[in-house]
Amino acid sequence: MPPVIDAWMQIMTPRMAAEPWLASLLRWTGQSADEALPNLETTLAAMDQAGVATGIISAWTGPTGVLISNDETAENAAASEGRLKPVLSIDLNDPMGAVREIRQRASQGFVGVRALPWLWGLPPNDRRFYPVYAACIDAGLPFCTQIGHTGPLRTSEYGRLIPYLEDVLLDFPELVVIGGHVGFPWIDEVATLLHKFPNFYVDTSAYVLHRLPPDFVRLMKNEGKSRILFGTNWPMLSPARCLKGLDGLGLDEETAKLFLHDNAARVYRLS
C-alpha cells in the first residue's frame, strides 16, 4: 500500500465536543464525548496503526464562535514533525477579517481553508462566502467544504451540489474546491460536477470504505480517479476502521495510489 494521506481530520477541543449537534455523530459512531477528544499523540498513533503518513487537520469556526482555533491547529501541526498539515477556518460574519486571516495563514504553512455550509446555516453560494473564495484564489489555497447529507442534526439542504455549489464553480472557475463526505445521496450531481469542473475534488471522509455507495466506487475507478481523495473525519472514524475495506473496492494499483496519496498531494501541494 502506498503512503496514505488523510484529507479530513481534526483534533477536537472540549468546546467542540460540547456542541449539541455533535450528539448524533457520537451516537452513530458509538463514542462518548470524552472518546472524541484525542490529543496529538493519540492522533499520530492512530495514523501509525493504519499506515497514514500525513493528515490534513482542520480548525473549526461557526456562528457560535471558534470551536478549534487556527492557532491550536497550527500548534498541533508544528509539533507533529511535518506529519500534520493545517487547514484554517474563518468567520463568515467578518468578511474582511476572513480575507486577512487567509492571507496571513497562507504564509504560515496552512494548506487550505474550510467552511461548512450546514454549520453556518448558509448555502455555499451565499454572498458571505464570496470574499473567502476570492481570497482562496489569491492565496493559492483550495476551499474545503462538506457535500451531501449531514450527520449532525442540521438540515442537509445546503449539501446539495446543484444549484448551490455549481453556482460557486461557475462564478469562480479558478477556485479549487474539495467536497468532503462523498456527497450522498446526490452522487449523480457529484458525477456531473466532476465532469464539468476540472477544479472540483471529492474526499471519502465520514465513510468506511466498504460502505461507499456503488455508484461512487464506479466514479473512483473511472472518470473520477484523478480527483477523489481518501479521508476519515477523525476522530469520528479512525484511519484503520476506514481503510479496512480497501481491498474490497477492487482498485488497480494506479487508482489506489491516486486515491490514497497522489490526488491529495497534488491538490494540497504537498510534493
C-alpha atoms as a PDB file:
ATOM      1  CA  MET A   1       0.000   0.000   0.000  1.00  0.00           C
ATOM      2  CA  PRO A   2       1.380   3.458  -0.871  1.00  0.00           C
ATOM      3  CA  PRO A   3       1.894   6.075   1.846  1.00  0.00           C
ATOM      4  CA  VAL A   4      -1.545   7.388   2.780  1.00  0.00           C
ATOM      5  CA  ILE A   5      -2.736  10.979   3.123  1.00  0.00           C
ATOM      6  CA  ASP A   6      -5.865  11.507   5.225  1.00  0.00           C
ATOM      7  CA  ALA A   7      -7.648  14.526   3.738  1.00  0.00           C
ATOM      8  CA  TRP A   8     -10.040  15.285   6.613  1.00  0.00           C
ATOM      9  CA  MET A   9      -9.073  15.130  10.273  1.00  0.00           C
ATOM     10  CA  GLN A  10      -9.455  17.351  13.305  1.00  0.00           C
ATOM     11  CA  ILE A  11      -8.075  17.314  16.834  1.00  0.00           C
ATOM     12  CA  MET A  12     -11.207  18.289  18.680  1.00  0.00           C
ATOM     13  CA  THR A  13     -11.406  20.568  21.697  1.00  0.00           C
ATOM     14  CA  PRO A  14     -13.810  20.417  24.669  1.00  0.00           C
ATOM     15  CA  ARG A  15     -15.536  23.450  23.134  1.00  0.00           C
ATOM     16  CA  MET A  16     -16.393  21.483  20.015  1.00  0.00           C
ATOM     17  CA  ALA A  17     -17.297  18.315  21.938  1.00  0.00           C
ATOM     18  CA  ALA A  18     -19.866  20.333  23.904  1.00  0.00           C
ATOM     19  CA  GLU A  19     -21.793  21.400  20.787  1.00  0.00           C
ATOM     20  CA  PRO A  20     -25.306  19.849  20.895  1.00  0.00           C
ATOM     21  CA  TRP A  21     -25.286  18.985  17.187  1.00  0.00           C
ATOM     22  CA  LEU A  22     -22.417  16.543  17.800  1.00  0.00           C
ATOM     23  CA  ALA A  23     -24.674  14.155  19.734  1.00  0.00           C
ATOM     24  CA  SER A  24     -25.972  12.327  16.667  1.00  0.00           C
ATOM     25  CA  LEU A  25     -22.437  11.713  15.365  1.00  0.00           C
ATOM     26  CA  LEU A  26     -21.357  10.319  18.705  1.00  0.00           C
ATOM     27  CA  ARG A  27     -24.404   8.042  18.710  1.00  0.00           C
ATOM     28  CA  TRP A  28     -23.650   6.782  15.185  1.00  0.00           C
ATOM     29  CA  THR A  29     -20.019   6.050  15.980  1.00  0.00           C
ATOM     30  CA  GLY A  30     -20.664   4.654  19.440  1.00  0.00           C
ATOM     31  CA  GLN A  31     -18.407   7.137  21.183  1.00  0.00           C
ATOM     32  CA  SER A  32     -18.693   9.284  24.260  1.00  0.00           C
ATOM     33  CA  ALA A  33     -17.726  12.948  24.142  1.00  0.00           C
ATOM     34  CA  ASP A  34     -14.534  12.079  26.043  1.00  0.00           C
ATOM     35  CA  GLU A  35     -13.587   9.432  23.477  1.00  0.00           C
ATOM     36  CA  ALA A  36     -13.950  12.053  20.738  1.00  0.00           C
ATOM     37  CA  LEU A  37     -11.233  14.177  22.315  1.00  0.00           C
ATOM     38  CA  PRO A  38      -7.930  12.819  21.019  1.00  0.00           C
ATOM     39  CA  ASN A  39      -4.682  14.652  21.537  1.00  0.00           C
ATOM     40  CA  LEU A  40      -1.698  14.924  19.226  1.00  0.00           C
ATOM     41  CA  GLU A  41      -0.130  11.716  20.499  1.00  0.00           C
ATOM     42  CA  THR A  42      -3.242   9.564  20.090  1.00  0.00           C
ATOM     43  CA  THR A  43      -3.864  11.082  16.655  1.00  0.00           C
ATOM     44  CA  LEU A  44      -0.373  10.178  15.447  1.00  0.00           C
ATOM     45  CA  ALA A  45      -0.714   6.707  16.970  1.00  0.00           C
ATOM     46  CA  ALA A  46      -3.962   6.123  15.072  1.00  0.00           C
ATOM     47  CA  MET A  47      -2.233   7.216  11.871  1.00  0.00           C
ATOM     48  CA  ASP A  48       0.677   4.870  12.530  1.00  0.00           C
ATOM     49  CA  GLN A  49      -1.670   1.942  13.125  1.00  0.00           C
ATOM     50  CA  ALA A  50      -3.122   2.366   9.631  1.00  0.00           C
ATOM     51  CA  GLY A  51      -0.020   3.449   7.702  1.00  0.00           C
ATOM     52  CA  VAL A  52      -1.180   7.042   7.276  1.00  0.00           C
ATOM     53  CA  ALA A  53       1.868   9.200   6.612  1.00  0.00           C
ATOM     54  CA  THR A  54       0.196  12.625   6.523  1.00  0.00           C
ATOM     55  CA  GLY A  55      -3.010  14.068   7.939  1.00  0.00           C
ATOM     56  CA  ILE A  56      -4.826  17.257   6.959  1.00  0.00           C
ATOM     57  CA  ILE A  57      -6.163  18.724  10.231  1.00  0.00           C
ATOM     58  CA  SER A  58      -8.738  21.469  10.269  1.00  0.00           C
ATOM     59  CA  ALA A  59      -9.721  24.331  12.518  1.00  0.00           C
ATOM     60  CA  TRP A  60     -13.458  24.939  13.007  1.00  0.00           C
ATOM     61  CA  THR A  61     -15.324  28.225  13.334  1.00  0.00           C
ATOM     62  CA  GLY A  62     -19.104  28.625  13.318  1.00  0.00           C
ATOM     63  CA  PRO A  63     -21.732  31.176  14.235  1.00  0.00           C
ATOM     64  CA  THR A  64     -21.395  30.271  17.929  1.00  0.00           C
ATOM     65  CA  GLY A  65     -17.669  31.021  17.891  1.00  0.00           C
ATOM     66  CA  VAL A  66     -14.312  29.320  17.471  1.00  0.00           C
ATOM     67  CA  LEU A  67     -14.512  25.577  18.156  1.00  0.00           C
ATOM     68  CA  ILE A  68     -10.940  24.683  17.130  1.00  0.00           C
ATOM     69  CA  SER A  69      -8.783  27.755  16.619  1.00  0.00           C
ATOM     70  CA  ASN A  70      -6.305  28.322  13.833  1.00  0.00           C
ATOM     71  CA  ASP A  71      -3.607  28.759  16.466  1.00  0.00           C
ATOM     72  CA  GLU A  72      -4.450  25.418  18.098  1.00  0.00           C
ATOM     73  CA  THR A  73      -4.378  23.729  14.702  1.00  0.00           C
ATOM     74  CA  ALA A  74      -1.047  25.362  13.814  1.00  0.00           C
ATOM     75  CA  GLU A  75       0.466  24.279  17.140  1.00  0.00           C
ATOM     76  CA  ASN A  76      -0.540  20.655  16.621  1.00  0.00           C
ATOM     77  CA  ALA A  77       0.819  20.705  13.083  1.00  0.00           C
ATOM     78  CA  ALA A  78       4.110  22.245  14.227  1.00  0.00           C
ATOM     79  CA  ALA A  79       4.524  19.622  16.954  1.00  0.00           C
ATOM     80  CA  SER A  80       3.871  16.725  14.551  1.00  0.00           C
ATOM     81  CA  GLU A  81       7.253  16.978  12.795  1.00  0.00           C
ATOM     82  CA  GLY A  82       5.633  17.517   9.429  1.00  0.00           C
ATOM     83  CA  ARG A  83       3.041  14.748   9.590  1.00  0.00           C
ATOM     84  CA  LEU A  84       0.048  17.059  10.065  1.00  0.00           C
ATOM     85  CA  LYS A  85      -0.809  19.896   7.694  1.00  0.00           C
ATOM     86  CA  PRO A  86      -3.165  22.642   8.919  1.00  0.00           C
ATOM     87  CA  VAL A  87      -6.359  23.929   7.300  1.00  0.00           C
ATOM     88  CA  LEU A  88      -7.726  27.227   8.595  1.00  0.00           C
ATOM     89  CA  SER A  89     -11.257  28.293   9.384  1.00  0.00           C
ATOM     90  CA  ILE A  90     -12.785  31.740   9.107  1.00  0.00           C
ATOM     91  CA  ASP A  91     -15.652  33.825  10.472  1.00  0.00           C
ATOM     92  CA  LEU A  92     -18.172  34.455   7.711  1.00  0.00           C
ATOM     93  CA  ASN A  93     -19.675  37.299   9.721  1.00  0.00           C
ATOM     94  CA  ASP A  94     -16.374  39.196   9.420  1.00  0.00           C
ATOM     95  CA  PRO A  95     -15.565  39.090   5.689  1.00  0.00           C
ATOM     96  CA  MET A  96     -12.540  41.378   5.724  1.00  0.00           C
ATOM     97  CA  GLY A  97     -11.201  39.665   8.819  1.00  0.00           C
ATOM     98  CA  ALA A  98     -11.587  36.361   6.963  1.00  0.00           C
ATOM     99  CA  VAL A  99      -9.690  37.704   3.962  1.00  0.00           C
ATOM    100  CA  ARG A 100      -6.853  38.982   6.160  1.00  0.00           C
ATOM    101  CA  GLU A 101      -6.716  35.674   8.044  1.00  0.00           C
ATOM    102  CA  ILE A 102      -6.401  33.710   4.799  1.00  0.00           C
ATOM    103  CA  ARG A 103      -3.619  35.977   3.550  1.00  0.00           C
ATOM    104  CA  GLN A 104      -1.719  35.710   6.828  1.00  0.00           C
ATOM    105  CA  ARG A 105      -2.116  31.979   7.318  1.00  0.00           C
ATOM    106  CA  ALA A 106      -1.199  31.146   3.723  1.00  0.00           C
ATOM    107  CA  SER A 107       2.310  32.374   4.529  1.00  0.00           C
ATOM    108  CA  GLN A 108       2.440  30.230   7.691  1.00  0.00           C
ATOM    109  CA  GLY A 109       2.129  26.786   6.130  1.00  0.00           C
ATOM    110  CA  PHE A 110      -1.651  26.373   6.057  1.00  0.00           C
ATOM    111  CA  VAL A 111      -2.699  24.283   3.060  1.00  0.00           C
ATOM    112  CA  GLY A 112      -6.418  25.076   2.722  1.00  0.00           C
ATOM    113  CA  VAL A 113      -9.480  26.921   4.021  1.00  0.00           C
ATOM    114  CA  ARG A 114     -12.587  25.164   5.353  1.00  0.00           C
ATOM    115  CA  ALA A 115     -16.117  26.431   5.982  1.00  0.00           C
ATOM    116  CA  LEU A 116     -19.175  24.217   6.340  1.00  0.00           C
ATOM    117  CA  PRO A 117     -22.498  25.453   4.972  1.00  0.00           C
ATOM    118  CA  TRP A 118     -24.607  23.341   7.354  1.00  0.00           C
ATOM    119  CA  LEU A 119     -22.756  24.754  10.367  1.00  0.00           C
ATOM    120  CA  TRP A 120     -23.401  28.331   9.265  1.00  0.00           C
ATOM    121  CA  GLY A 121     -26.924  27.674   8.032  1.00  0.00           C
ATOM    122  CA  LEU A 122     -25.994  29.173   4.668  1.00  0.00           C
ATOM    123  CA  PRO A 123     -25.736  27.708   1.164  1.00  0.00           C
ATOM    124  CA  PRO A 124     -22.253  27.949  -0.386  1.00  0.00           C
ATOM    125  CA  ASN A 125     -23.499  30.477  -2.970  1.00  0.00           C
ATOM    126  CA  ASP A 126     -24.437  32.937  -0.219  1.00  0.00           C
ATOM    127  CA  ARG A 127     -22.777  36.335  -0.647  1.00  0.00           C
ATOM    128  CA  ARG A 128     -20.909  35.939   2.670  1.00  0.00           C
ATOM    129  CA  PHE A 129     -18.763  33.167   1.188  1.00  0.00           C
ATOM    130  CA  TYR A 130     -17.681  35.137  -1.863  1.00  0.00           C
ATOM    131  CA  PRO A 131     -14.835  37.204  -0.333  1.00  0.00           C
ATOM    132  CA  VAL A 132     -13.468  33.924   1.035  1.00  0.00           C
ATOM    133  CA  TYR A 133     -13.439  32.339  -2.412  1.00  0.00           C
ATOM    134  CA  ALA A 134     -11.617  35.310  -3.897  1.00  0.00           C
ATOM    135  CA  ALA A 135      -9.051  35.208  -1.080  1.00  0.00           C
ATOM    136  CA  CYS A 136      -8.503  31.471  -1.589  1.00  0.00           C
ATOM    137  CA  ILE A 137      -7.735  32.020  -5.252  1.00  0.00           C
ATOM    138  CA  ASP A 138      -5.413  34.907  -4.428  1.00  0.00           C
ATOM    139  CA  ALA A 139      -3.566  32.827  -1.802  1.00  0.00           C
ATOM    140  CA  GLY A 140      -3.445  29.667  -3.920  1.00  0.00           C
ATOM    141  CA  LEU A 141      -5.355  27.600  -1.342  1.00  0.00           C
ATOM    142  CA  PRO A 142      -8.158  25.109  -2.002  1.00  0.00           C
ATOM    143  CA  PHE A 143     -11.536  25.715  -0.415  1.00  0.00           C
ATOM    144  CA  CYS A 144     -12.708  22.704   1.593  1.00  0.00           C
ATOM    145  CA  THR A 145     -16.373  22.173   2.353  1.00  0.00           C
ATOM    146  CA  GLN A 146     -18.969  19.486   3.011  1.00  0.00           C
ATOM    147  CA  ILE A 147     -21.292  17.971   0.418  1.00  0.00           C
ATOM    148  CA  GLY A 148     -24.208  15.579   0.776  1.00  0.00           C
ATOM    149  CA  HIS A 149     -26.364  14.899   3.812  1.00  0.00           C
ATOM    150  CA  THR A 150     -25.321  15.979   7.294  1.00  0.00           C
ATOM    151  CA  GLY A 151     -24.690  13.588  10.153  1.00  0.00           C
ATOM    152  CA  PRO A 152     -25.310  16.324  12.750  1.00  0.00           C
ATOM    153  CA  LEU A 153     -28.930  17.177  13.443  1.00  0.00           C
ATOM    154  CA  ARG A 154     -28.973  20.051  10.969  1.00  0.00           C
ATOM    155  CA  THR A 155     -30.606  20.404   7.567  1.00  0.00           C
ATOM    156  CA  SER A 156     -28.939  18.610   4.659  1.00  0.00           C
ATOM    157  CA  GLU A 157     -30.285  21.142   2.152  1.00  0.00           C
ATOM    158  CA  TYR A 158     -27.049  23.102   1.837  1.00  0.00           C
ATOM    159  CA  GLY A 159     -25.153  19.919   0.980  1.00  0.00           C
ATOM    160  CA  ARG A 160     -26.912  19.767  -2.389  1.00  0.00           C
ATOM    161  CA  LEU A 161     -24.387  20.353  -5.139  1.00  0.00           C
ATOM    162  CA  ILE A 162     -26.826  21.764  -7.717  1.00  0.00           C
ATOM    163  CA  PRO A 163     -27.533  24.647  -7.707  1.00  0.00           C
ATOM    164  CA  TYR A 164     -25.551  25.801  -4.661  1.00  0.00           C
ATOM    165  CA  LEU A 165     -22.010  24.576  -5.262  1.00  0.00           C
ATOM    166  CA  GLU A 166     -22.389  24.641  -9.024  1.00  0.00           C
ATOM    167  CA  ASP A 167     -23.062  28.392  -8.809  1.00  0.00           C
ATOM    168  CA  VAL A 168     -19.771  28.823  -6.960  1.00  0.00           C
ATOM    169  CA  LEU A 169     -17.794  26.817  -9.511  1.00  0.00           C
ATOM    170  CA  LEU A 170     -19.357  28.824 -12.339  1.00  0.00           C
ATOM    171  CA  ASP A 171     -18.660  32.173 -10.656  1.00  0.00           C
ATOM    172  CA  PHE A 172     -15.088  31.244  -9.639  1.00  0.00           C
ATOM    173  CA  PRO A 173     -13.584  28.988 -12.331  1.00  0.00           C
ATOM    174  CA  GLU A 174     -10.107  29.373 -10.780  1.00  0.00           C
ATOM    175  CA  LEU A 175     -11.249  28.176  -7.350  1.00  0.00           C
ATOM    176  CA  VAL A 176     -10.181  24.671  -6.314  1.00  0.00           C
ATOM    177  CA  VAL A 177     -12.980  23.087  -4.276  1.00  0.00           C
ATOM    178  CA  ILE A 178     -12.720  19.889  -2.229  1.00  0.00           C
ATOM    179  CA  GLY A 179     -16.105  18.492  -1.248  1.00  0.00           C
ATOM    180  CA  GLY A 180     -15.887  16.295   1.818  1.00  0.00           C
ATOM    181  CA  HIS A 181     -18.100  13.386   2.875  1.00  0.00           C
ATOM    182  CA  VAL A 182     -18.763  11.807  -0.572  1.00  0.00           C
ATOM    183  CA  GLY A 183     -21.942  13.724  -1.483  1.00  0.00           C
ATOM    184  CA  PHE A 184     -24.547  11.017  -0.846  1.00  0.00           C
ATOM    185  CA  PRO A 185     -27.437  10.923  -1.735  1.00  0.00           C
ATOM    186  CA  TRP A 186     -26.605  13.199  -4.670  1.00  0.00           C
ATOM    187  CA  ILE A 187     -23.971  11.011  -6.339  1.00  0.00           C
ATOM    188  CA  ASP A 188     -25.281  11.871  -9.824  1.00  0.00           C
ATOM    189  CA  GLU A 189     -24.670  15.539  -9.030  1.00  0.00           C
ATOM    190  CA  VAL A 190     -21.156  14.682  -7.827  1.00  0.00           C
ATOM    191  CA  ALA A 191     -20.511  12.931 -11.149  1.00  0.00           C
ATOM    192  CA  THR A 192     -21.914  15.898 -13.071  1.00  0.00           C
ATOM    193  CA  LEU A 193     -19.646  18.392 -11.318  1.00  0.00           C
ATOM    194  CA  LEU A 194     -16.582  16.158 -11.702  1.00  0.00           C
ATOM    195  CA  HIS A 195     -17.263  16.017 -15.453  1.00  0.00           C
ATOM    196  CA  LYS A 196     -17.943  19.709 -15.762  1.00  0.00           C
ATOM    197  CA  PHE A 197     -15.357  21.380 -13.495  1.00  0.00           C
ATOM    198  CA  PRO A 198     -11.688  20.346 -13.550  1.00  0.00           C
ATOM    199  CA  ASN A 199     -11.019  22.086 -10.223  1.00  0.00           C
ATOM    200  CA  PHE A 200     -13.609  20.095  -8.265  1.00  0.00           C
ATOM    201  CA  TYR A 201     -12.437  17.284  -5.982  1.00  0.00           C
ATOM    202  CA  VAL A 202     -14.191  14.962  -3.506  1.00  0.00           C
ATOM    203  CA  ASP A 203     -12.970  13.107  -0.433  1.00  0.00           C
ATOM    204  CA  THR A 204     -14.368   9.991   1.243  1.00  0.00           C
ATOM    205  CA  SER A 205     -14.302  11.298   4.813  1.00  0.00           C
ATOM    206  CA  ALA A 206     -17.075  10.140   7.168  1.00  0.00           C
ATOM    207  CA  TYR A 207     -17.304   6.807   5.321  1.00  0.00           C
ATOM    208  CA  VAL A 208     -15.675   3.470   5.989  1.00  0.00           C
ATOM    209  CA  LEU A 209     -14.625   2.275   2.566  1.00  0.00           C
ATOM    210  CA  HIS A 210     -16.817  -0.815   2.472  1.00  0.00           C
ATOM    211  CA  ARG A 211     -19.877   1.432   2.914  1.00  0.00           C
ATOM    212  CA  LEU A 212     -19.183   3.692  -0.063  1.00  0.00           C
ATOM    213  CA  PRO A 213     -22.136   3.887  -2.480  1.00  0.00           C
ATOM    214  CA  PRO A 214     -21.603   1.602  -5.520  1.00  0.00           C
ATOM    215  CA  ASP A 215     -22.059   4.497  -7.959  1.00  0.00           C
ATOM    216  CA  PHE A 216     -19.339   6.414  -6.137  1.00  0.00           C
ATOM    217  CA  VAL A 217     -16.944   3.455  -6.356  1.00  0.00           C
ATOM    218  CA  ARG A 218     -17.580   3.361 -10.106  1.00  0.00           C
ATOM    219  CA  LEU A 219     -16.579   7.034 -10.258  1.00  0.00           C
ATOM    220  CA  MET A 220     -13.367   6.249  -8.375  1.00  0.00           C
ATOM    221  CA  LYS A 221     -12.408   3.644 -10.955  1.00  0.00           C
ATOM    222  CA  ASN A 222     -13.251   5.725 -13.991  1.00  0.00           C
ATOM    223  CA  GLU A 223     -13.688   9.441 -14.655  1.00  0.00           C
ATOM    224  CA  GLY A 224     -13.164  10.448 -11.019  1.00  0.00           C
ATOM    225  CA  LYS A 225      -9.954   8.510 -10.443  1.00  0.00           C
ATOM    226  CA  SER A 226      -7.724  11.621 -10.537  1.00  0.00           C
ATOM    227  CA  ARG A 227      -9.972  13.685  -8.250  1.00  0.00           C
ATOM    228  CA  ILE A 228     -11.161  11.536  -5.354  1.00  0.00           C
ATOM    229  CA  LEU A 229      -9.194  11.613  -2.096  1.00  0.00           C
ATOM    230  CA  PHE A 230      -9.125   9.356   0.939  1.00  0.00           C
ATOM    231  CA  GLY A 231     -10.332  10.884   4.212  1.00  0.00           C
ATOM    232  CA  THR A 232     -11.623   9.712   7.581  1.00  0.00           C
ATOM    233  CA  ASN A 233     -13.181  12.535   9.635  1.00  0.00           C
ATOM    234  CA  TRP A 234     -11.009  11.538  12.600  1.00  0.00           C
ATOM    235  CA  PRO A 235     -11.828  11.213  15.474  1.00  0.00           C
ATOM    236  CA  MET A 236     -15.351  10.232  14.406  1.00  0.00           C
ATOM    237  CA  LEU A 237     -13.778   7.389  12.401  1.00  0.00           C
ATOM    238  CA  SER A 238     -10.260   6.017  12.722  1.00  0.00           C
ATOM    239  CA  PRO A 239      -7.960   5.505   9.731  1.00  0.00           C
ATOM    240  CA  ALA A 240      -7.723   1.783  10.439  1.00  0.00           C
ATOM    241  CA  ARG A 241     -11.504   1.405  10.504  1.00  0.00           C
ATOM    242  CA  CYS A 242     -11.909   3.339   7.262  1.00  0.00           C
ATOM    243  CA  LEU A 243      -9.171   1.502   5.382  1.00  0.00           C
ATOM    244  CA  LYS A 244     -10.296  -1.971   6.425  1.00  0.00           C
ATOM    245  CA  GLY A 245     -12.466  -2.271   3.315  1.00  0.00           C
ATOM    246  CA  LEU A 246      -9.861  -1.035   0.812  1.00  0.00           C
ATOM    247  CA  ASP A 247      -9.242  -4.408  -0.831  1.00  0.00           C
ATOM    248  CA  GLY A 248     -12.963  -4.894  -1.398  1.00  0.00           C
ATOM    249  CA  LEU A 249     -13.128  -1.829  -3.665  1.00  0.00           C
ATOM    250  CA  GLY A 250     -11.255  -3.641  -6.436  1.00  0.00           C
ATOM    251  CA  LEU A 251      -8.977  -0.713  -7.277  1.00  0.00           C
ATOM    252  CA  ASP A 252      -5.993  -1.345  -9.504  1.00  0.00           C
ATOM    253  CA  GLU A 253      -2.556  -0.265  -8.282  1.00  0.00           C
ATOM    254  CA  GLU A 254      -2.556   3.059 -10.122  1.00  0.00           C
ATOM    255  CA  THR A 255      -6.047   4.041  -8.966  1.00  0.00           C
ATOM    256  CA  ALA A 256      -5.295   3.069  -5.363  1.00  0.00           C
ATOM    257  CA  LYS A 257      -2.162   5.225  -5.372  1.00  0.00           C
ATOM    258  CA  LEU A 258      -4.093   8.200  -6.775  1.00  0.00           C
ATOM    259  CA  PHE A 259      -6.859   7.737  -4.207  1.00  0.00           C
ATOM    260  CA  LEU A 260      -4.681   7.184  -1.151  1.00  0.00           C
ATOM    261  CA  HIS A 261      -1.883   9.644  -1.873  1.00  0.00           C
ATOM    262  CA  ASP A 262      -1.313  11.339  -5.196  1.00  0.00           C
ATOM    263  CA  ASN A 263      -4.575  13.266  -5.581  1.00  0.00           C
ATOM    264  CA  ALA A 264      -4.290  14.795  -2.119  1.00  0.00           C
ATOM    265  CA  ALA A 265      -0.586  15.523  -2.570  1.00  0.00           C
ATOM    266  CA  ARG A 266      -1.376  17.391  -5.767  1.00  0.00           C
ATOM    267  CA  VAL A 267      -4.395  19.395  -4.625  1.00  0.00           C
ATOM    268  CA  TYR A 268      -2.814  20.360  -1.286  1.00  0.00           C
ATOM    269  CA  ARG A 269       0.582  20.944  -2.894  1.00  0.00           C
ATOM    270  CA  LEU A 270       2.353  18.580  -0.541  1.00  0.00           C
ATOM    271  CA  SER A 271       5.005  17.445  -3.025  1.00  0.00           C
END
